[in-house]
Amino acid sequence: MDNTNCMNSMIEIQGDPNVVGNHRIHHCSFQKMSGGGGDYGCEPIRLGDSQYSTCNLSTIVEFCVFDSTHDADSETISVKSMNNVIRYNTFSNNPGGYVSFRNGNNHVAYGNFFLNSSGVRIKQGANISLYNNYFYQCNPPIIFVDMTGLYPD
């Protein structure tokens, strides 16, 4: 699949400010996605968007495999909502592909395997817990916290 400059994710959940999501994505396999890379909205999974980042999606992503998906988008999982859990997933052969907490608060990522992948990126979120994740032969940075624009100087 060629996703060059696409604006469509494989699985995308949009929030509603008046409804708690309580979604569960599990036992999925994403493999060999291609395209332009970068940040073109071609994520395998997108939970919310910046406009509705305060929506409570309360989504669990678990037991999924992401192999060689980094060429579609630099965000393997893009989180732009509230109260999500990323657990027990395997990210392999994704150098340049992150689990990215872009917006929203109260997230947890644990029990994931990052094998020859880039790890986790945190940007403009608060109360994010990362624990019991396994990183093997990963490209630095494994955990990248970007505070650009949040604090003067």
N, C-alpha and C. Protein backbone atom coordinates (compact mmCIF):
# COMPACT_ATOMS: atom_id res chain seq x y z
N MET A 1 0.84 -1.17 0.00
CA MET A 1 0.00 0.00 0.00
C MET A 1 0.89 1.23 0.00
N ASP A 2 0.66 2.15 -0.87
CA ASP A 2 1.45 3.38 -0.94
C ASP A 2 0.64 4.51 -0.32
N ASN A 3 1.16 5.01 0.82
CA ASN A 3 0.44 6.05 1.56
C ASN A 3 1.08 7.42 1.37
N THR A 4 1.82 7.65 0.33
CA THR A 4 2.52 8.91 0.15
C THR A 4 1.54 10.08 0.27
N ASN A 5 1.85 10.97 1.23
CA ASN A 5 1.06 12.16 1.49
C ASN A 5 -0.41 11.88 1.80
N CYS A 6 -0.72 10.72 2.33
CA CYS A 6 -2.11 10.42 2.66
C CYS A 6 -2.51 11.10 3.96
N MET A 7 -3.78 11.17 4.21
CA MET A 7 -4.31 11.73 5.46
C MET A 7 -5.30 10.75 6.07
N ASN A 8 -5.04 9.47 5.95
CA ASN A 8 -5.93 8.45 6.47
C ASN A 8 -5.16 7.43 7.29
N SER A 9 -5.65 7.15 8.47
CA SER A 9 -5.06 6.13 9.32
C SER A 9 -5.77 4.81 9.04
N MET A 10 -5.12 3.71 9.42
CA MET A 10 -5.75 2.40 9.25
C MET A 10 -6.93 2.26 10.22
N ILE A 11 -6.70 2.61 11.49
CA ILE A 11 -7.77 2.64 12.49
C ILE A 11 -7.74 4.03 13.11
N GLU A 12 -8.85 4.73 13.06
CA GLU A 12 -8.93 6.07 13.61
C GLU A 12 -10.18 6.19 14.46
N ILE A 13 -10.00 6.65 15.70
CA ILE A 13 -11.13 6.87 16.59
C ILE A 13 -11.19 8.35 16.91
N GLN A 14 -12.30 8.98 16.59
CA GLN A 14 -12.50 10.39 16.89
C GLN A 14 -13.31 10.51 18.18
N GLY A 15 -13.01 11.54 18.96
CA GLY A 15 -13.67 11.73 20.23
C GLY A 15 -14.92 12.58 20.14
N ASP A 16 -15.73 12.45 21.16
CA ASP A 16 -16.91 13.29 21.36
C ASP A 16 -16.79 13.84 22.78
N PRO A 17 -16.82 15.16 22.96
CA PRO A 17 -16.64 15.73 24.29
C PRO A 17 -17.69 15.27 25.31
N ASN A 18 -18.80 14.74 24.85
CA ASN A 18 -19.89 14.34 25.75
C ASN A 18 -19.99 12.84 26.00
N VAL A 19 -19.08 12.07 25.39
CA VAL A 19 -19.17 10.61 25.49
C VAL A 19 -17.81 10.03 25.85
N VAL A 20 -17.77 9.12 26.83
CA VAL A 20 -16.55 8.39 27.14
C VAL A 20 -16.44 7.23 26.15
N GLY A 21 -15.26 7.08 25.54
CA GLY A 21 -15.10 6.10 24.46
C GLY A 21 -15.19 4.65 24.89
N ASN A 22 -14.31 4.23 25.82
CA ASN A 22 -14.24 2.83 26.25
C ASN A 22 -14.10 1.87 25.08
N HIS A 23 -13.12 2.13 24.20
CA HIS A 23 -12.86 1.28 23.05
C HIS A 23 -11.74 0.30 23.38
N ARG A 24 -11.67 -0.79 22.62
CA ARG A 24 -10.59 -1.77 22.78
C ARG A 24 -10.16 -2.23 21.39
N ILE A 25 -8.87 -2.04 21.11
CA ILE A 25 -8.28 -2.52 19.86
C ILE A 25 -7.29 -3.60 20.27
N HIS A 26 -7.47 -4.82 19.77
CA HIS A 26 -6.61 -5.91 20.23
C HIS A 26 -6.38 -6.95 19.14
N HIS A 27 -5.25 -7.63 19.28
CA HIS A 27 -4.86 -8.73 18.39
C HIS A 27 -4.89 -8.34 16.91
N CYS A 28 -4.37 -7.16 16.61
CA CYS A 28 -4.26 -6.70 15.22
C CYS A 28 -2.82 -6.85 14.75
N SER A 29 -2.64 -6.95 13.46
CA SER A 29 -1.31 -7.02 12.88
C SER A 29 -1.19 -6.00 11.76
N PHE A 30 -0.19 -5.13 11.87
CA PHE A 30 0.10 -4.13 10.85
C PHE A 30 1.51 -4.42 10.34
N GLN A 31 1.65 -4.64 9.04
CA GLN A 31 2.95 -5.03 8.51
C GLN A 31 3.25 -4.33 7.19
N LYS A 32 4.52 -4.00 7.04
CA LYS A 32 5.08 -3.49 5.79
C LYS A 32 4.25 -2.38 5.16
N MET A 33 3.95 -1.36 5.93
CA MET A 33 3.24 -0.20 5.39
C MET A 33 4.26 0.72 4.74
N SER A 34 3.92 1.27 3.59
CA SER A 34 4.86 2.14 2.88
C SER A 34 4.22 3.48 2.59
N GLY A 35 5.03 4.37 2.13
CA GLY A 35 4.58 5.71 1.81
C GLY A 35 5.72 6.68 2.01
N GLY A 36 5.41 7.91 2.33
CA GLY A 36 6.43 8.94 2.44
C GLY A 36 7.09 9.05 3.78
N GLY A 37 6.63 8.29 4.80
CA GLY A 37 7.18 8.48 6.13
C GLY A 37 6.79 9.83 6.67
N GLY A 38 7.52 10.34 7.63
CA GLY A 38 7.23 11.67 8.16
C GLY A 38 5.93 11.71 8.92
N ASP A 39 5.21 12.80 8.81
CA ASP A 39 3.98 12.99 9.58
C ASP A 39 2.85 13.37 8.63
N TYR A 40 2.35 12.40 7.88
CA TYR A 40 1.33 12.64 6.87
C TYR A 40 -0.05 12.10 7.23
N GLY A 41 -0.26 11.72 8.49
CA GLY A 41 -1.56 11.20 8.88
C GLY A 41 -1.82 9.79 8.42
N CYS A 42 -0.76 9.00 8.26
CA CYS A 42 -0.90 7.62 7.78
C CYS A 42 -0.62 6.62 8.90
N GLU A 43 -0.98 6.97 10.12
CA GLU A 43 -0.68 6.11 11.26
C GLU A 43 -1.44 4.80 11.17
N PRO A 44 -0.83 3.71 11.62
CA PRO A 44 -1.62 2.49 11.76
C PRO A 44 -2.82 2.71 12.69
N ILE A 45 -2.58 3.41 13.83
CA ILE A 45 -3.68 3.70 14.76
C ILE A 45 -3.59 5.16 15.19
N ARG A 46 -4.72 5.86 15.12
CA ARG A 46 -4.81 7.24 15.62
C ARG A 46 -5.97 7.32 16.61
N LEU A 47 -5.64 7.75 17.82
CA LEU A 47 -6.65 7.90 18.87
C LEU A 47 -6.91 9.39 19.09
N GLY A 48 -7.90 9.93 18.41
CA GLY A 48 -8.27 11.33 18.54
C GLY A 48 -7.47 12.23 17.62
N ASP A 49 -7.73 13.54 17.75
CA ASP A 49 -6.97 14.53 17.01
C ASP A 49 -6.77 15.76 17.89
N SER A 50 -5.91 16.65 17.46
CA SER A 50 -5.54 17.81 18.27
C SER A 50 -6.73 18.69 18.62
N GLN A 51 -7.68 18.79 17.73
CA GLN A 51 -8.85 19.65 17.97
C GLN A 51 -9.68 19.15 19.15
N TYR A 52 -9.75 17.84 19.34
CA TYR A 52 -10.55 17.25 20.41
C TYR A 52 -9.68 16.47 21.40
N SER A 53 -8.52 17.00 21.72
CA SER A 53 -7.58 16.27 22.57
C SER A 53 -8.04 16.12 24.01
N THR A 54 -9.07 16.85 24.42
CA THR A 54 -9.59 16.70 25.78
C THR A 54 -10.73 15.68 25.84
N CYS A 55 -11.03 15.02 24.74
CA CYS A 55 -12.05 13.97 24.74
C CYS A 55 -11.53 12.74 25.46
N ASN A 56 -12.39 12.13 26.24
CA ASN A 56 -12.03 10.95 27.01
C ASN A 56 -12.31 9.69 26.19
N LEU A 57 -11.31 9.27 25.40
CA LEU A 57 -11.51 8.06 24.58
C LEU A 57 -11.40 6.79 25.40
N SER A 58 -10.57 6.79 26.44
CA SER A 58 -10.40 5.60 27.30
C SER A 58 -10.26 4.34 26.45
N THR A 59 -9.32 4.37 25.53
CA THR A 59 -9.10 3.25 24.61
C THR A 59 -7.92 2.40 25.08
N ILE A 60 -8.07 1.09 24.96
CA ILE A 60 -6.98 0.15 25.24
C ILE A 60 -6.52 -0.42 23.91
N VAL A 61 -5.21 -0.32 23.64
CA VAL A 61 -4.60 -0.96 22.48
C VAL A 61 -3.70 -2.04 23.03
N GLU A 62 -3.99 -3.31 22.71
CA GLU A 62 -3.23 -4.40 23.32
C GLU A 62 -3.06 -5.59 22.37
N PHE A 63 -1.97 -6.29 22.57
CA PHE A 63 -1.64 -7.52 21.84
C PHE A 63 -1.61 -7.34 20.32
N CYS A 64 -1.18 -6.17 19.87
CA CYS A 64 -1.04 -5.90 18.43
C CYS A 64 0.42 -5.99 18.03
N VAL A 65 0.65 -6.28 16.76
CA VAL A 65 2.00 -6.34 16.19
C VAL A 65 2.12 -5.26 15.13
N PHE A 66 3.20 -4.48 15.23
CA PHE A 66 3.50 -3.42 14.26
C PHE A 66 4.89 -3.72 13.71
N ASP A 67 4.96 -4.25 12.51
CA ASP A 67 6.24 -4.64 11.92
C ASP A 67 6.45 -3.86 10.62
N SER A 68 7.53 -3.11 10.56
CA SER A 68 7.90 -2.34 9.37
C SER A 68 6.78 -1.40 8.92
N THR A 69 6.27 -0.61 9.86
CA THR A 69 5.21 0.35 9.54
C THR A 69 5.73 1.79 9.50
N HIS A 70 6.98 2.00 9.84
CA HIS A 70 7.55 3.35 9.97
C HIS A 70 7.59 4.13 8.66
N ASP A 71 7.55 3.47 7.53
CA ASP A 71 7.58 4.19 6.25
C ASP A 71 6.26 4.86 5.93
N ALA A 72 5.18 4.46 6.60
CA ALA A 72 3.89 5.11 6.37
C ALA A 72 3.79 6.42 7.14
N ASP A 73 4.27 6.43 8.39
CA ASP A 73 4.19 7.61 9.24
C ASP A 73 5.17 7.43 10.39
N SER A 74 5.67 8.54 10.93
CA SER A 74 6.61 8.44 12.04
C SER A 74 5.90 8.12 13.35
N GLU A 75 4.58 8.17 13.37
CA GLU A 75 3.81 7.81 14.55
C GLU A 75 3.11 6.48 14.31
N THR A 76 3.62 5.44 14.94
CA THR A 76 3.01 4.13 14.80
C THR A 76 1.64 4.13 15.45
N ILE A 77 1.58 4.66 16.67
CA ILE A 77 0.31 4.94 17.34
C ILE A 77 0.34 6.41 17.71
N SER A 78 -0.63 7.16 17.25
CA SER A 78 -0.72 8.58 17.54
C SER A 78 -1.85 8.80 18.54
N VAL A 79 -1.50 9.32 19.73
CA VAL A 79 -2.48 9.52 20.78
C VAL A 79 -2.71 11.01 20.97
N LYS A 80 -3.93 11.45 20.69
CA LYS A 80 -4.33 12.86 20.83
C LYS A 80 -5.69 12.90 21.52
N SER A 81 -5.77 12.34 22.69
CA SER A 81 -7.01 12.28 23.45
C SER A 81 -6.65 11.99 24.90
N MET A 82 -7.60 11.58 25.72
CA MET A 82 -7.38 11.38 27.15
C MET A 82 -7.59 9.92 27.56
N ASN A 83 -6.83 9.51 28.61
CA ASN A 83 -7.07 8.27 29.35
C ASN A 83 -6.94 6.99 28.51
N ASN A 84 -5.80 6.83 27.84
CA ASN A 84 -5.59 5.66 26.98
C ASN A 84 -4.50 4.76 27.54
N VAL A 85 -4.59 3.48 27.20
CA VAL A 85 -3.62 2.49 27.65
C VAL A 85 -3.05 1.77 26.42
N ILE A 86 -1.72 1.74 26.33
CA ILE A 86 -1.02 1.02 25.27
C ILE A 86 -0.24 -0.09 25.96
N ARG A 87 -0.62 -1.35 25.78
CA ARG A 87 0.01 -2.43 26.54
C ARG A 87 0.14 -3.72 25.72
N TYR A 88 1.20 -4.45 26.03
CA TYR A 88 1.44 -5.79 25.49
C TYR A 88 1.50 -5.84 23.96
N ASN A 89 2.01 -4.80 23.35
CA ASN A 89 2.17 -4.75 21.89
C ASN A 89 3.62 -5.01 21.53
N THR A 90 3.86 -5.41 20.29
CA THR A 90 5.21 -5.60 19.77
C THR A 90 5.42 -4.66 18.60
N PHE A 91 6.48 -3.86 18.71
CA PHE A 91 6.89 -2.94 17.66
C PHE A 91 8.24 -3.41 17.15
N SER A 92 8.28 -3.92 15.93
CA SER A 92 9.54 -4.45 15.41
C SER A 92 9.88 -3.82 14.06
N ASN A 93 11.17 -3.63 13.86
CA ASN A 93 11.69 -3.08 12.60
C ASN A 93 11.02 -1.75 12.23
N ASN A 94 10.91 -0.87 13.20
CA ASN A 94 10.31 0.45 13.00
C ASN A 94 11.26 1.57 13.40
N PRO A 95 12.46 1.62 12.83
CA PRO A 95 13.33 2.75 13.17
C PRO A 95 12.69 4.03 12.65
N GLY A 96 12.51 5.00 13.52
CA GLY A 96 11.83 6.23 13.13
C GLY A 96 10.35 6.19 13.37
N GLY A 97 9.81 5.09 13.90
CA GLY A 97 8.39 4.98 14.21
C GLY A 97 8.17 4.93 15.71
N TYR A 98 7.38 5.87 16.23
CA TYR A 98 7.17 6.02 17.68
C TYR A 98 5.74 5.70 18.09
N VAL A 99 5.57 5.31 19.34
CA VAL A 99 4.30 5.47 20.02
C VAL A 99 4.33 6.91 20.49
N SER A 100 3.43 7.72 20.00
CA SER A 100 3.52 9.15 20.20
C SER A 100 2.32 9.67 20.99
N PHE A 101 2.61 10.19 22.19
CA PHE A 101 1.59 10.86 23.00
C PHE A 101 1.68 12.34 22.66
N ARG A 102 0.91 12.77 21.69
CA ARG A 102 1.00 14.13 21.15
C ARG A 102 0.22 15.14 21.96
N ASN A 103 -1.01 14.82 22.31
CA ASN A 103 -1.87 15.71 23.07
C ASN A 103 -2.70 14.87 24.02
N GLY A 104 -3.23 15.53 25.03
CA GLY A 104 -4.08 14.82 25.98
C GLY A 104 -3.28 14.30 27.17
N ASN A 105 -3.99 13.93 28.22
CA ASN A 105 -3.37 13.55 29.48
C ASN A 105 -3.81 12.16 29.91
N ASN A 106 -3.12 11.69 30.96
CA ASN A 106 -3.51 10.46 31.67
C ASN A 106 -3.40 9.20 30.80
N HIS A 107 -2.18 8.94 30.33
CA HIS A 107 -1.94 7.75 29.51
C HIS A 107 -0.97 6.81 30.22
N VAL A 108 -1.05 5.53 29.86
CA VAL A 108 -0.14 4.53 30.40
C VAL A 108 0.34 3.66 29.24
N ALA A 109 1.65 3.38 29.22
CA ALA A 109 2.23 2.43 28.26
C ALA A 109 3.09 1.45 29.06
N TYR A 110 2.70 0.19 29.03
CA TYR A 110 3.48 -0.81 29.77
C TYR A 110 3.41 -2.17 29.07
N GLY A 111 4.44 -2.97 29.34
CA GLY A 111 4.48 -4.34 28.82
C GLY A 111 4.66 -4.44 27.32
N ASN A 112 5.15 -3.38 26.68
CA ASN A 112 5.35 -3.39 25.23
C ASN A 112 6.78 -3.81 24.91
N PHE A 113 6.96 -4.39 23.74
CA PHE A 113 8.28 -4.77 23.24
C PHE A 113 8.63 -3.88 22.06
N PHE A 114 9.77 -3.20 22.17
CA PHE A 114 10.28 -2.36 21.09
C PHE A 114 11.57 -3.01 20.59
N LEU A 115 11.52 -3.61 19.42
CA LEU A 115 12.65 -4.35 18.85
C LEU A 115 13.08 -3.65 17.57
N ASN A 116 14.28 -3.08 17.57
CA ASN A 116 14.77 -2.31 16.43
C ASN A 116 13.74 -1.25 16.02
N SER A 117 13.28 -0.51 17.00
CA SER A 117 12.28 0.54 16.80
C SER A 117 12.71 1.79 17.54
N SER A 118 11.91 2.85 17.42
CA SER A 118 12.33 4.12 18.03
C SER A 118 11.79 4.38 19.41
N GLY A 119 10.78 3.71 19.86
CA GLY A 119 10.34 3.88 21.23
C GLY A 119 9.12 4.78 21.39
N VAL A 120 9.20 5.69 22.38
CA VAL A 120 8.06 6.48 22.81
C VAL A 120 8.40 7.96 22.69
N ARG A 121 7.45 8.74 22.19
CA ARG A 121 7.61 10.19 22.10
C ARG A 121 6.47 10.84 22.88
N ILE A 122 6.84 11.77 23.77
CA ILE A 122 5.85 12.50 24.56
C ILE A 122 5.93 13.96 24.17
N LYS A 123 4.79 14.52 23.78
CA LYS A 123 4.74 15.92 23.40
C LYS A 123 3.39 16.50 23.83
N GLN A 124 3.41 17.51 24.64
CA GLN A 124 2.22 18.24 25.07
C GLN A 124 1.20 17.36 25.77
N GLY A 125 1.65 16.49 26.62
CA GLY A 125 0.76 15.69 27.44
C GLY A 125 1.24 15.70 28.88
N ALA A 126 0.36 15.37 29.81
CA ALA A 126 0.72 15.33 31.22
C ALA A 126 0.20 14.03 31.83
N ASN A 127 0.83 13.64 32.93
CA ASN A 127 0.45 12.44 33.67
C ASN A 127 0.51 11.20 32.77
N ILE A 128 1.68 10.99 32.19
CA ILE A 128 1.91 9.84 31.32
C ILE A 128 2.87 8.91 32.03
N SER A 129 2.48 7.65 32.18
CA SER A 129 3.30 6.66 32.86
C SER A 129 3.83 5.64 31.87
N LEU A 130 5.14 5.42 31.91
CA LEU A 130 5.79 4.40 31.09
C LEU A 130 6.52 3.45 32.04
N TYR A 131 6.19 2.17 31.97
CA TYR A 131 6.89 1.22 32.82
C TYR A 131 6.81 -0.19 32.24
N ASN A 132 7.80 -1.00 32.62
CA ASN A 132 7.89 -2.39 32.20
C ASN A 132 7.81 -2.58 30.68
N ASN A 133 8.43 -1.67 29.94
CA ASN A 133 8.57 -1.82 28.49
C ASN A 133 9.96 -2.37 28.22
N TYR A 134 10.11 -3.13 27.16
CA TYR A 134 11.38 -3.75 26.80
C TYR A 134 11.88 -3.13 25.51
N PHE A 135 13.12 -2.63 25.54
CA PHE A 135 13.74 -2.00 24.37
C PHE A 135 14.97 -2.80 23.98
N TYR A 136 15.06 -3.24 22.71
CA TYR A 136 16.20 -4.02 22.24
C TYR A 136 16.64 -3.50 20.88
N GLN A 137 17.91 -3.16 20.77
CA GLN A 137 18.51 -2.64 19.53
C GLN A 137 17.66 -1.51 18.92
N CYS A 138 17.31 -0.57 19.77
CA CYS A 138 16.48 0.55 19.33
C CYS A 138 17.34 1.73 18.91
N ASN A 139 16.80 2.54 18.01
CA ASN A 139 17.47 3.77 17.59
C ASN A 139 17.19 4.85 18.61
N PRO A 140 18.23 5.52 19.07
CA PRO A 140 17.98 6.61 20.01
C PRO A 140 17.24 7.75 19.32
N PRO A 141 16.44 8.52 20.01
CA PRO A 141 16.14 8.34 21.43
C PRO A 141 15.05 7.30 21.65
N ILE A 142 15.20 6.53 22.72
CA ILE A 142 14.21 5.52 23.05
C ILE A 142 12.96 6.18 23.64
N ILE A 143 13.18 7.14 24.53
CA ILE A 143 12.08 7.93 25.07
C ILE A 143 12.42 9.38 24.81
N PHE A 144 11.56 10.04 24.06
CA PHE A 144 11.81 11.41 23.62
C PHE A 144 10.71 12.30 24.17
N VAL A 145 11.08 13.26 25.01
CA VAL A 145 10.12 14.20 25.57
C VAL A 145 10.36 15.55 24.95
N ASP A 146 9.40 16.05 24.20
CA ASP A 146 9.52 17.32 23.49
C ASP A 146 8.69 18.37 24.20
N MET A 147 9.32 19.32 24.84
CA MET A 147 8.63 20.39 25.55
C MET A 147 8.64 21.70 24.76
N THR A 148 8.94 21.61 23.46
CA THR A 148 9.03 22.79 22.61
C THR A 148 7.73 23.60 22.67
N GLY A 149 7.87 24.87 22.92
CA GLY A 149 6.73 25.76 22.93
C GLY A 149 5.90 25.76 24.20
N LEU A 150 6.21 24.85 25.14
CA LEU A 150 5.44 24.79 26.36
C LEU A 150 5.93 25.77 27.42
N TYR A 151 7.23 26.00 27.41
CA TYR A 151 7.81 26.88 28.42
C TYR A 151 8.71 27.90 27.74
N PRO A 152 8.60 29.17 28.10
CA PRO A 152 9.51 30.16 27.51
C PRO A 152 10.95 29.86 27.89
N ASP A 153 11.87 30.15 27.00
CA ASP A 153 13.30 29.92 27.21
C ASP A 153 13.59 28.47 27.52
